[in-house]
Amino acid sequence: MAVTINGIDYEEADLAPGVANSIAQVQNANAMIARIQADLLNQQIIAQHHSKFISDNLPAQVEDSEEATDSDEDTTEEVEASAEDE
């Protein structure tokens, strides 16, 4: 069986012992990397989809958070007023 490595054809019988096994291991590793990368992409898509679904379906915010925003604005105005007095 001919094997091409770096553009050069080799006969399997001419390779050192264990090289054929190493070639198979490299092929297996590369195939596994491709499967893992595909799975990673799928998992990222699933996470993005569900994150968007969660954001789109959260209950409306209560007025407490609006009051917190108002109190932040009041603090800013007080700080600006204090700076002008100096």
PDB file of N, CA and C in Angstrom:
ATOM      1  N   MET A   1       0.852  -1.172   0.000  1.00  0.00           N
ATOM      2  CA  MET A   1       0.000   0.000   0.000  1.00  0.00           C
ATOM      3  C   MET A   1       0.901   1.239   0.000  1.00  0.00           C
ATOM      4  N   ALA A   2       0.622   2.170  -0.894  1.00  0.00           N
ATOM      5  CA  ALA A   2       1.397   3.405  -0.967  1.00  0.00           C
ATOM      6  C   ALA A   2       0.813   4.430  -0.006  1.00  0.00           C
ATOM      7  N   VAL A   3       1.696   5.172   0.642  1.00  0.00           N
ATOM      8  CA  VAL A   3       1.316   6.217   1.583  1.00  0.00           C
ATOM      9  C   VAL A   3       2.011   7.492   1.131  1.00  0.00           C
ATOM     10  N   THR A   4       1.269   8.599   1.061  1.00  0.00           N
ATOM     11  CA  THR A   4       1.855   9.881   0.671  1.00  0.00           C
ATOM     12  C   THR A   4       2.020  10.738   1.917  1.00  0.00           C
ATOM     13  N   ILE A   5       3.257  11.143   2.166  1.00  0.00           N
ATOM     14  CA  ILE A   5       3.570  12.001   3.313  1.00  0.00           C
ATOM     15  C   ILE A   5       4.384  13.172   2.787  1.00  0.00           C
ATOM     16  N   ASN A   6       3.895  14.375   3.042  1.00  0.00           N
ATOM     17  CA  ASN A   6       4.563  15.596   2.576  1.00  0.00           C
ATOM     18  C   ASN A   6       4.821  15.554   1.071  1.00  0.00           C
ATOM     19  N   GLY A   7       3.858  15.019   0.325  1.00  0.00           N
ATOM     20  CA  GLY A   7       3.963  14.990  -1.126  1.00  0.00           C
ATOM     21  C   GLY A   7       4.844  13.891  -1.690  1.00  0.00           C
ATOM     22  N   ILE A   8       5.357  13.024  -0.849  1.00  0.00           N
ATOM     23  CA  ILE A   8       6.230  11.935  -1.307  1.00  0.00           C
ATOM     24  C   ILE A   8       5.517  10.609  -1.060  1.00  0.00           C
ATOM     25  N   ASP A   9       5.523   9.735  -2.078  1.00  0.00           N
ATOM     26  CA  ASP A   9       4.898   8.419  -1.952  1.00  0.00           C
ATOM     27  C   ASP A   9       5.881   7.421  -1.366  1.00  0.00           C
ATOM     28  N   TYR A  10       5.400   6.638  -0.384  1.00  0.00           N
ATOM     29  CA  TYR A  10       6.205   5.599   0.258  1.00  0.00           C
ATOM     30  C   TYR A  10       5.426   4.292   0.207  1.00  0.00           C
ATOM     31  N   GLU A  11       6.131   3.218   0.076  1.00  0.00           N
ATOM     32  CA  GLU A  11       5.521   1.897   0.206  1.00  0.00           C
ATOM     33  C   GLU A  11       5.521   1.547   1.686  1.00  0.00           C
ATOM     34  N   GLU A  12       4.394   1.073   2.164  1.00  0.00           N
ATOM     35  CA  GLU A  12       4.276   0.734   3.584  1.00  0.00           C
ATOM     36  C   GLU A  12       5.345  -0.268   4.009  1.00  0.00           C
ATOM     37  N   ALA A  13       5.694  -1.195   3.142  1.00  0.00           N
ATOM     38  CA  ALA A  13       6.705  -2.219   3.467  1.00  0.00           C
ATOM     39  C   ALA A  13       8.086  -1.599   3.689  1.00  0.00           C
ATOM     40  N   ASP A  14       8.340  -0.414   3.102  1.00  0.00           N
ATOM     41  CA  ASP A  14       9.649   0.241   3.234  1.00  0.00           C
ATOM     42  C   ASP A  14       9.770   1.087   4.501  1.00  0.00           C
ATOM     43  N   LEU A  15       8.672   1.286   5.200  1.00  0.00           N
ATOM     44  CA  LEU A  15       8.682   2.149   6.393  1.00  0.00           C
ATOM     45  C   LEU A  15       9.212   1.386   7.604  1.00  0.00           C
ATOM     46  N   ALA A  16       9.798   2.126   8.514  1.00  0.00           N
ATOM     47  CA  ALA A  16      10.309   1.527   9.748  1.00  0.00           C
ATOM     48  C   ALA A  16       9.149   0.942  10.548  1.00  0.00           C
ATOM     49  N   PRO A  17       9.454  -0.078  11.361  1.00  0.00           N
ATOM     50  CA  PRO A  17       8.391  -0.679  12.189  1.00  0.00           C
ATOM     51  C   PRO A  17       7.715   0.384  13.070  1.00  0.00           C
ATOM     52  N   GLY A  18       6.426   0.286  13.139  1.00  0.00           N
ATOM     53  CA  GLY A  18       5.665   1.215  13.970  1.00  0.00           C
ATOM     54  C   GLY A  18       5.214   2.469  13.236  1.00  0.00           C
ATOM     55  N   VAL A  19       5.828   2.775  12.076  1.00  0.00           N
ATOM     56  CA  VAL A  19       5.441   3.979  11.341  1.00  0.00           C
ATOM     57  C   VAL A  19       4.004   3.858  10.824  1.00  0.00           C
ATOM     58  N   ALA A  20       3.632   2.680  10.335  1.00  0.00           N
ATOM     59  CA  ALA A  20       2.262   2.485   9.852  1.00  0.00           C
ATOM     60  C   ALA A  20       1.270   2.710  10.990  1.00  0.00           C
ATOM     61  N   ASN A  21       1.598   2.261  12.173  1.00  0.00           N
ATOM     62  CA  ASN A  21       0.745   2.482  13.339  1.00  0.00           C
ATOM     63  C   ASN A  21       0.661   3.975  13.652  1.00  0.00           C
ATOM     64  N   SER A  22       1.791   4.671  13.582  1.00  0.00           N
ATOM     65  CA  SER A  22       1.797   6.110  13.857  1.00  0.00           C
ATOM     66  C   SER A  22       0.982   6.871  12.825  1.00  0.00           C
ATOM     67  N   ILE A  23       1.048   6.427  11.569  1.00  0.00           N
ATOM     68  CA  ILE A  23       0.235   7.059  10.518  1.00  0.00           C
ATOM     69  C   ILE A  23      -1.249   6.890  10.851  1.00  0.00           C
ATOM     70  N   ALA A  24      -1.636   5.706  11.244  1.00  0.00           N
ATOM     71  CA  ALA A  24      -3.033   5.450  11.618  1.00  0.00           C
ATOM     72  C   ALA A  24      -3.435   6.304  12.817  1.00  0.00           C
ATOM     73  N   GLN A  25      -2.527   6.447  13.784  1.00  0.00           N
ATOM     74  CA  GLN A  25      -2.836   7.255  14.966  1.00  0.00           C
ATOM     75  C   GLN A  25      -3.024   8.729  14.596  1.00  0.00           C
ATOM     76  N   VAL A  26      -2.189   9.227  13.692  1.00  0.00           N
ATOM     77  CA  VAL A  26      -2.326  10.617  13.244  1.00  0.00           C
ATOM     78  C   VAL A  26      -3.657  10.797  12.520  1.00  0.00           C
ATOM     79  N   GLN A  27      -4.013   9.839  11.668  1.00  0.00           N
ATOM     80  CA  GLN A  27      -5.291   9.922  10.970  1.00  0.00           C
ATOM     81  C   GLN A  27      -6.463   9.894  11.949  1.00  0.00           C
ATOM     82  N   ASN A  28      -6.390   9.018  12.941  1.00  0.00           N
ATOM     83  CA  ASN A  28      -7.443   8.941  13.959  1.00  0.00           C
ATOM     84  C   ASN A  28      -7.533  10.236  14.759  1.00  0.00           C
ATOM     85  N   ALA A  29      -6.377  10.778  15.129  1.00  0.00           N
ATOM     86  CA  ALA A  29      -6.360  12.017  15.905  1.00  0.00           C
ATOM     87  C   ALA A  29      -6.956  13.170  15.099  1.00  0.00           C
ATOM     88  N   ASN A  30      -6.583  13.263  13.822  1.00  0.00           N
ATOM     89  CA  ASN A  30      -7.125  14.329  12.974  1.00  0.00           C
ATOM     90  C   ASN A  30      -8.627  14.189  12.789  1.00  0.00           C
ATOM     91  N   ALA A  31      -9.100  12.967  12.648  1.00  0.00           N
ATOM     92  CA  ALA A  31     -10.541  12.734  12.526  1.00  0.00           C
ATOM     93  C   ALA A  31     -11.258  13.124  13.820  1.00  0.00           C
ATOM     94  N   MET A  32     -10.668  12.782  14.956  1.00  0.00           N
ATOM     95  CA  MET A  32     -11.258  13.141  16.249  1.00  0.00           C
ATOM     96  C   MET A  32     -11.281  14.653  16.438  1.00  0.00           C
ATOM     97  N   ILE A  33     -10.220  15.335  16.043  1.00  0.00           N
ATOM     98  CA  ILE A  33     -10.178  16.801  16.138  1.00  0.00           C
ATOM     99  C   ILE A  33     -11.299  17.409  15.304  1.00  0.00           C
ATOM    100  N   ALA A  34     -11.507  16.897  14.105  1.00  0.00           N
ATOM    101  CA  ALA A  34     -12.588  17.406  13.241  1.00  0.00           C
ATOM    102  C   ALA A  34     -13.955  17.191  13.892  1.00  0.00           C
ATOM    103  N   ARG A  35     -14.158  16.017  14.502  1.00  0.00           N
ATOM    104  CA  ARG A  35     -15.442  15.743  15.178  1.00  0.00           C
ATOM    105  C   ARG A  35     -15.622  16.662  16.381  1.00  0.00           C
ATOM    106  N   ILE A  36     -14.555  16.870  17.146  1.00  0.00           N
ATOM    107  CA  ILE A  36     -14.647  17.736  18.333  1.00  0.00           C
ATOM    108  C   ILE A  36     -14.928  19.177  17.922  1.00  0.00           C
ATOM    109  N   GLN A  37     -14.278  19.646  16.860  1.00  0.00           N
ATOM    110  CA  GLN A  37     -14.529  21.010  16.396  1.00  0.00           C
ATOM    111  C   GLN A  37     -15.970  21.171  15.930  1.00  0.00           C
ATOM    112  N   ALA A  38     -16.492  20.173  15.233  1.00  0.00           N
ATOM    113  CA  ALA A  38     -17.892  20.224  14.797  1.00  0.00           C
ATOM    114  C   ALA A  38     -18.824  20.224  16.004  1.00  0.00           C
ATOM    115  N   ASP A  39     -18.521  19.407  17.010  1.00  0.00           N
ATOM    116  CA  ASP A  39     -19.342  19.358  18.214  1.00  0.00           C
ATOM    117  C   ASP A  39     -19.271  20.682  18.967  1.00  0.00           C
ATOM    118  N   LEU A  40     -18.084  21.282  19.050  1.00  0.00           N
ATOM    119  CA  LEU A  40     -17.937  22.577  19.711  1.00  0.00           C
ATOM    120  C   LEU A  40     -18.802  23.625  19.023  1.00  0.00           C
ATOM    121  N   LEU A  41     -18.771  23.674  17.709  1.00  0.00           N
ATOM    122  CA  LEU A  41     -19.593  24.625  16.973  1.00  0.00           C
ATOM    123  C   LEU A  41     -21.069  24.393  17.269  1.00  0.00           C
ATOM    124  N   ASN A  42     -21.490  23.137  17.264  1.00  0.00           N
ATOM    125  CA  ASN A  42     -22.891  22.827  17.574  1.00  0.00           C
ATOM    126  C   ASN A  42     -23.257  23.278  18.983  1.00  0.00           C
ATOM    127  N   GLN A  43     -22.385  23.054  19.947  1.00  0.00           N
ATOM    128  CA  GLN A  43     -22.668  23.448  21.326  1.00  0.00           C
ATOM    129  C   GLN A  43     -22.744  24.965  21.452  1.00  0.00           C
ATOM    130  N   GLN A  44     -21.888  25.687  20.721  1.00  0.00           N
ATOM    131  CA  GLN A  44     -21.945  27.146  20.750  1.00  0.00           C
ATOM    132  C   GLN A  44     -23.261  27.649  20.168  1.00  0.00           C
ATOM    133  N   ILE A  45     -23.708  27.025  19.092  1.00  0.00           N
ATOM    134  CA  ILE A  45     -24.980  27.415  18.477  1.00  0.00           C
ATOM    135  C   ILE A  45     -26.130  27.152  19.450  1.00  0.00           C
ATOM    136  N   ILE A  46     -26.112  26.004  20.104  1.00  0.00           N
ATOM    137  CA  ILE A  46     -27.162  25.674  21.078  1.00  0.00           C
ATOM    138  C   ILE A  46     -27.163  26.679  22.230  1.00  0.00           C
ATOM    139  N   ALA A  47     -25.989  27.010  22.749  1.00  0.00           N
ATOM    140  CA  ALA A  47     -25.890  27.964  23.860  1.00  0.00           C
ATOM    141  C   ALA A  47     -26.411  29.337  23.438  1.00  0.00           C
ATOM    142  N   GLN A  48     -26.050  29.794  22.240  1.00  0.00           N
ATOM    143  CA  GLN A  48     -26.537  31.085  21.762  1.00  0.00           C
ATOM    144  C   GLN A  48     -28.054  31.079  21.598  1.00  0.00           C
ATOM    145  N   HIS A  49     -28.570  30.000  21.045  1.00  0.00           N
ATOM    146  CA  HIS A  49     -30.016  29.898  20.844  1.00  0.00           C
ATOM    147  C   HIS A  49     -30.758  29.984  22.183  1.00  0.00           C
ATOM    148  N   HIS A  50     -30.316  29.194  23.142  1.00  0.00           N
ATOM    149  CA  HIS A  50     -31.020  29.172  24.424  1.00  0.00           C
ATOM    150  C   HIS A  50     -30.813  30.471  25.203  1.00  0.00           C
ATOM    151  N   SER A  51     -29.654  31.087  25.077  1.00  0.00           N
ATOM    152  CA  SER A  51     -29.441  32.380  25.734  1.00  0.00           C
ATOM    153  C   SER A  51     -30.394  33.425  25.184  1.00  0.00           C
ATOM    154  N   LYS A  52     -30.558  33.440  23.868  1.00  0.00           N
ATOM    155  CA  LYS A  52     -31.501  34.379  23.254  1.00  0.00           C
ATOM    156  C   LYS A  52     -32.926  34.063  23.698  1.00  0.00           C
ATOM    157  N   PHE A  53     -33.287  32.788  23.742  1.00  0.00           N
ATOM    158  CA  PHE A  53     -34.623  32.398  24.174  1.00  0.00           C
ATOM    159  C   PHE A  53     -34.878  32.871  25.607  1.00  0.00           C
ATOM    160  N   ILE A  54     -33.881  32.693  26.473  1.00  0.00           N
ATOM    161  CA  ILE A  54     -34.023  33.141  27.862  1.00  0.00           C
ATOM    162  C   ILE A  54     -34.239  34.643  27.905  1.00  0.00           C
ATOM    163  N   SER A  55     -33.384  35.402  27.204  1.00  0.00           N
ATOM    164  CA  SER A  55     -33.503  36.863  27.201  1.00  0.00           C
ATOM    165  C   SER A  55     -34.852  37.322  26.667  1.00  0.00           C
ATOM    166  N   ASP A  56     -35.311  36.680  25.599  1.00  0.00           N
ATOM    167  CA  ASP A  56     -36.580  37.073  24.992  1.00  0.00           C
ATOM    168  C   ASP A  56     -37.786  36.718  25.841  1.00  0.00           C
ATOM    169  N   ASN A  57     -37.636  35.789  26.769  1.00  0.00           N
ATOM    170  CA  ASN A  57     -38.785  35.306  27.528  1.00  0.00           C
ATOM    171  C   ASN A  57     -38.705  35.595  29.019  1.00  0.00           C
ATOM    172  N   LEU A  58     -37.837  36.500  29.425  1.00  0.00           N
ATOM    173  CA  LEU A  58     -37.799  36.904  30.831  1.00  0.00           C
ATOM    174  C   LEU A  58     -39.024  37.749  31.147  1.00  0.00           C
ATOM    175  N   PRO A  59     -39.506  37.660  32.381  1.00  0.00           N
ATOM    176  CA  PRO A  59     -40.659  38.503  32.738  1.00  0.00           C
ATOM    177  C   PRO A  59     -40.256  39.977  32.720  1.00  0.00           C
ATOM    178  N   ALA A  60     -41.243  40.833  32.547  1.00  0.00           N
ATOM    179  CA  ALA A  60     -40.984  42.271  32.545  1.00  0.00           C
ATOM    180  C   ALA A  60     -40.357  42.679  33.868  1.00  0.00           C
ATOM    181  N   GLN A  61     -39.502  43.685  33.814  1.00  0.00           N
ATOM    182  CA  GLN A  61     -38.850  44.146  35.038  1.00  0.00           C
ATOM    183  C   GLN A  61     -39.854  44.868  35.913  1.00  0.00           C
ATOM    184  N   VAL A  62     -39.661  44.759  37.223  1.00  0.00           N
ATOM    185  CA  VAL A  62     -40.547  45.425  38.180  1.00  0.00           C
ATOM    186  C   VAL A  62     -40.085  46.852  38.400  1.00  0.00           C
ATOM    187  N   GLU A  63     -40.924  47.660  39.041  1.00  0.00           N
ATOM    188  CA  GLU A  63     -40.602  49.074  39.224  1.00  0.00           C
ATOM    189  C   GLU A  63     -39.439  49.303  40.159  1.00  0.00           C
ATOM    190  N   ASP A  64     -39.085  48.328  40.994  1.00  0.00           N
ATOM    191  CA  ASP A  64     -37.955  48.501  41.907  1.00  0.00           C
ATOM    192  C   ASP A  64     -36.690  48.841  41.142  1.00  0.00           C
ATOM    193  N   SER A  65     -36.488  48.227  39.996  1.00  0.00           N
ATOM    194  CA  SER A  65     -35.279  48.510  39.227  1.00  0.00           C
ATOM    195  C   SER A  65     -35.346  49.913  38.631  1.00  0.00           C
ATOM    196  N   GLU A  66     -36.545  50.409  38.320  1.00  0.00           N
ATOM    197  CA  GLU A  66     -36.676  51.784  37.836  1.00  0.00           C
ATOM    198  C   GLU A  66     -36.351  52.762  38.951  1.00  0.00           C
ATOM    199  N   GLU A  67     -36.780  52.456  40.177  1.00  0.00           N
ATOM    200  CA  GLU A  67     -36.479  53.321  41.306  1.00  0.00           C
ATOM    201  C   GLU A  67     -34.979  53.359  41.565  1.00  0.00           C
ATOM    202  N   ALA A  68     -34.304  52.226  41.387  1.00  0.00           N
ATOM    203  CA  ALA A  68     -32.857  52.189  41.560  1.00  0.00           C
ATOM    204  C   ALA A  68     -32.195  53.082  40.520  1.00  0.00           C
ATOM    205  N   THR A  69     -32.705  53.088  39.319  1.00  0.00           N
ATOM    206  CA  THR A  69     -32.157  53.941  38.265  1.00  0.00           C
ATOM    207  C   THR A  69     -32.370  55.405  38.625  1.00  0.00           C
ATOM    208  N   ASP A  70     -33.571  55.730  39.130  1.00  0.00           N
ATOM    209  CA  ASP A  70     -33.856  57.112  39.524  1.00  0.00           C
ATOM    210  C   ASP A  70     -32.927  57.568  40.632  1.00  0.00           C
ATOM    211  N   SER A  71     -32.667  56.705  41.609  1.00  0.00           N
ATOM    212  CA  SER A  71     -31.806  57.107  42.713  1.00  0.00           C
ATOM    213  C   SER A  71     -30.370  57.310  42.228  1.00  0.00           C
ATOM    214  N   ASP A  72     -29.940  56.553  41.224  1.00  0.00           N
ATOM    215  CA  ASP A  72     -28.607  56.752  40.657  1.00  0.00           C
ATOM    216  C   ASP A  72     -28.519  58.121  39.991  1.00  0.00           C
ATOM    217  N   GLU A  73     -29.580  58.511  39.293  1.00  0.00           N
ATOM    218  CA  GLU A  73     -29.584  59.810  38.631  1.00  0.00           C
ATOM    219  C   GLU A  73     -29.536  60.932  39.659  1.00  0.00           C
ATOM    220  N   ASP A  74     -30.283  60.796  40.741  1.00  0.00           N
ATOM    221  CA  ASP A  74     -30.292  61.815  41.781  1.00  0.00           C
ATOM    222  C   ASP A  74     -28.898  61.984  42.357  1.00  0.00           C
ATOM    223  N   THR A  75     -28.187  60.897  42.598  1.00  0.00           N
ATOM    224  CA  THR A  75     -26.834  60.952  43.154  1.00  0.00           C
ATOM    225  C   THR A  75     -25.916  61.701  42.203  1.00  0.00           C
ATOM    226  N   THR A  76     -26.042  61.465  40.931  1.00  0.00           N
ATOM    227  CA  THR A  76     -25.199  62.137  39.941  1.00  0.00           C
ATOM    228  C   THR A  76     -25.446  63.640  39.979  1.00  0.00           C
ATOM    229  N   GLU A  77     -26.711  64.025  40.065  1.00  0.00           N
ATOM    230  CA  GLU A  77     -27.032  65.450  40.113  1.00  0.00           C
ATOM    231  C   GLU A  77     -26.454  66.102  41.351  1.00  0.00           C
ATOM    232  N   GLU A  78     -26.499  65.413  42.491  1.00  0.00           N
ATOM    233  CA  GLU A  78     -25.945  65.962  43.725  1.00  0.00           C
ATOM    234  C   GLU A  78     -24.433  66.135  43.631  1.00  0.00           C
ATOM    235  N   VAL A  79     -23.771  65.181  43.020  1.00  0.00           N
ATOM    236  CA  VAL A  79     -22.331  65.270  42.874  1.00  0.00           C
ATOM    237  C   VAL A  79     -21.970  66.420  41.969  1.00  0.00           C
ATOM    238  N   GLU A  80     -22.717  66.620  40.874  1.00  0.00           N
ATOM    239  CA  GLU A  80     -22.454  67.726  39.951  1.00  0.00           C
ATOM    240  C   GLU A  80     -22.680  69.050  40.668  1.00  0.00           C
ATOM    241  N   ALA A  81     -23.730  69.157  41.466  1.00  0.00           N
ATOM    242  CA  ALA A  81     -24.019  70.386  42.183  1.00  0.00           C
ATOM    243  C   ALA A  81     -22.930  70.700  43.184  1.00  0.00           C
ATOM    244  N   SER A  82     -22.431  69.704  43.864  1.00  0.00           N
ATOM    245  CA  SER A  82     -21.369  69.905  44.838  1.00  0.00           C
ATOM    246  C   SER A  82     -20.098  70.385  44.157  1.00  0.00           C
ATOM    247  N   ALA A  83     -19.806  69.881  43.001  1.00  0.00           N
ATOM    248  CA  ALA A  83     -18.608  70.271  42.266  1.00  0.00           C
ATOM    249  C   ALA A  83     -18.706  71.726  41.814  1.00  0.00           C
ATOM    250  N   GLU A  84     -19.899  72.180  41.454  1.00  0.00           N
ATOM    251  CA  GLU A  84     -20.085  73.576  41.022  1.00  0.00           C
ATOM    252  C   GLU A  84     -19.928  74.529  42.182  1.00  0.00           C
ATOM    253  N   ASP A  85     -20.267  74.114  43.406  1.00  0.00           N
ATOM    254  CA  ASP A  85     -20.187  74.981  44.576  1.00  0.00           C
ATOM    255  C   ASP A  85     -18.729  75.290  44.923  1.00  0.00           C
ATOM    256  N   GLU A  86     -17.832  74.408  44.579  1.00  0.00           N
ATOM    257  CA  GLU A  86     -16.426  74.595  44.946  1.00  0.00           C
ATOM    258  C   GLU A  86     -15.794  75.549  44.042  1.00  0.00           C
TER     259      GLU A  86
END
